């Protein structure tokens, strides 16, 4: 017989993927950060540079964590399409 209480059952492993809720939260955070910086008088070019850098770091982190296979597939597909003139 199992001596463990039902609350001690192992937790289901998480998928480790960004869901729609996570994406919405990140979008709201980026919009709020950009708005706050604009209201404090930061030039728009600097705000775009900062948010673009944050996005690039996030994309690089996801690519490194995922082995980069999916990102590379997208980049190769884009290169092939642009080379084919589509």
Protein backbone atom coordinates (compact mmCIF):
# COMPACT_ATOMS: atom_id res chain seq x y z
CA UNK A 1 0.00 0.00 0.00
CA UNK A 2 1.18 3.52 -0.73
CA UNK A 3 2.20 5.37 2.46
CA UNK A 4 2.51 8.77 0.79
CA UNK A 5 -0.34 11.22 1.19
CA UNK A 6 -1.99 12.37 -2.02
CA UNK A 7 -0.47 15.84 -1.63
CA UNK A 8 3.04 14.35 -1.86
CA UNK A 9 2.49 13.12 -5.41
CA UNK A 10 5.15 14.35 -7.84
CA UNK A 11 4.23 17.48 -9.73
CA UNK A 12 3.69 17.27 -13.46
CA UNK A 13 6.68 18.59 -15.40
CA UNK A 14 6.17 21.97 -17.00
CA UNK A 15 6.54 22.30 -20.74
CA UNK A 16 8.93 25.24 -20.48
CA UNK A 17 7.15 27.12 -23.23
CA UNK A 18 5.74 30.60 -23.34
CA UNK A 19 1.98 30.46 -23.22
CA UNK A 20 -0.43 33.15 -24.33
CA UNK A 21 -0.70 34.50 -20.78
CA UNK A 22 3.08 34.87 -20.51
CA UNK A 23 3.27 36.60 -23.88
CA UNK A 24 0.51 39.03 -22.87
CA UNK A 25 2.26 39.85 -19.59
CA UNK A 26 5.55 40.50 -21.40
CA UNK A 27 3.78 42.72 -23.93
CA UNK A 28 2.16 44.75 -21.15
CA UNK A 29 5.49 45.09 -19.33
CA UNK A 30 7.23 46.33 -22.50
CA UNK A 31 4.43 48.81 -23.21
CA UNK A 32 4.48 50.06 -19.62
CA UNK A 33 8.28 50.41 -19.63
CA UNK A 34 8.26 52.31 -22.91
CA UNK A 35 5.46 54.59 -21.70
CA UNK A 36 7.17 55.29 -18.38
CA UNK A 37 10.45 56.15 -20.11
CA UNK A 38 8.65 58.42 -22.58
CA UNK A 39 6.83 60.24 -19.80
CA UNK A 40 10.17 60.81 -18.02
CA UNK A 41 11.50 62.54 -21.14
CA UNK A 42 13.64 59.79 -22.67
CA UNK A 43 14.04 60.25 -26.45
CA UNK A 44 11.97 57.84 -28.52
CA UNK A 45 15.03 56.52 -30.37
CA UNK A 46 16.65 55.53 -27.07
CA UNK A 47 13.46 53.78 -25.94
CA UNK A 48 13.26 51.78 -29.17
CA UNK A 49 16.94 50.87 -28.90
CA UNK A 50 16.51 49.67 -25.31
CA UNK A 51 13.38 47.63 -26.03
CA UNK A 52 14.92 46.19 -29.18
CA UNK A 53 17.99 45.16 -27.21
CA UNK A 54 15.80 43.50 -24.60
CA UNK A 55 13.98 41.60 -27.34
CA UNK A 56 17.26 40.50 -28.93
CA UNK A 57 18.60 39.24 -25.60
CA UNK A 58 15.33 37.36 -24.99
CA UNK A 59 15.41 35.80 -28.46
CA UNK A 60 19.05 34.77 -28.03
CA UNK A 61 18.27 33.24 -24.64
CA UNK A 62 15.34 31.25 -26.03
CA UNK A 63 17.43 30.13 -29.01
CA UNK A 64 20.28 28.98 -26.76
CA UNK A 65 17.91 27.19 -24.38
CA UNK A 66 16.09 25.46 -27.22
CA UNK A 67 19.23 24.39 -29.01
CA UNK A 68 18.61 26.98 -31.70
CA UNK A 69 17.12 24.45 -34.12
CA UNK A 70 13.80 26.19 -34.54
CA UNK A 71 15.37 29.64 -34.86
CA UNK A 72 17.86 28.37 -37.41
CA UNK A 73 15.05 26.74 -39.39
CA UNK A 74 13.19 30.06 -39.54
CA UNK A 75 16.33 31.98 -40.54
CA UNK A 76 17.22 29.45 -43.25
CA UNK A 77 13.67 29.52 -44.59
CA UNK A 78 13.73 33.33 -44.71
CA UNK A 79 17.10 33.28 -46.50
CA UNK A 80 15.87 30.74 -49.06
CA UNK A 81 12.68 32.72 -49.72
CA UNK A 82 14.57 35.98 -50.13
CA UNK A 83 17.06 34.28 -52.45
CA UNK A 84 14.21 32.87 -54.53
CA UNK A 85 12.68 36.33 -54.88
CA UNK A 86 9.45 35.59 -53.02
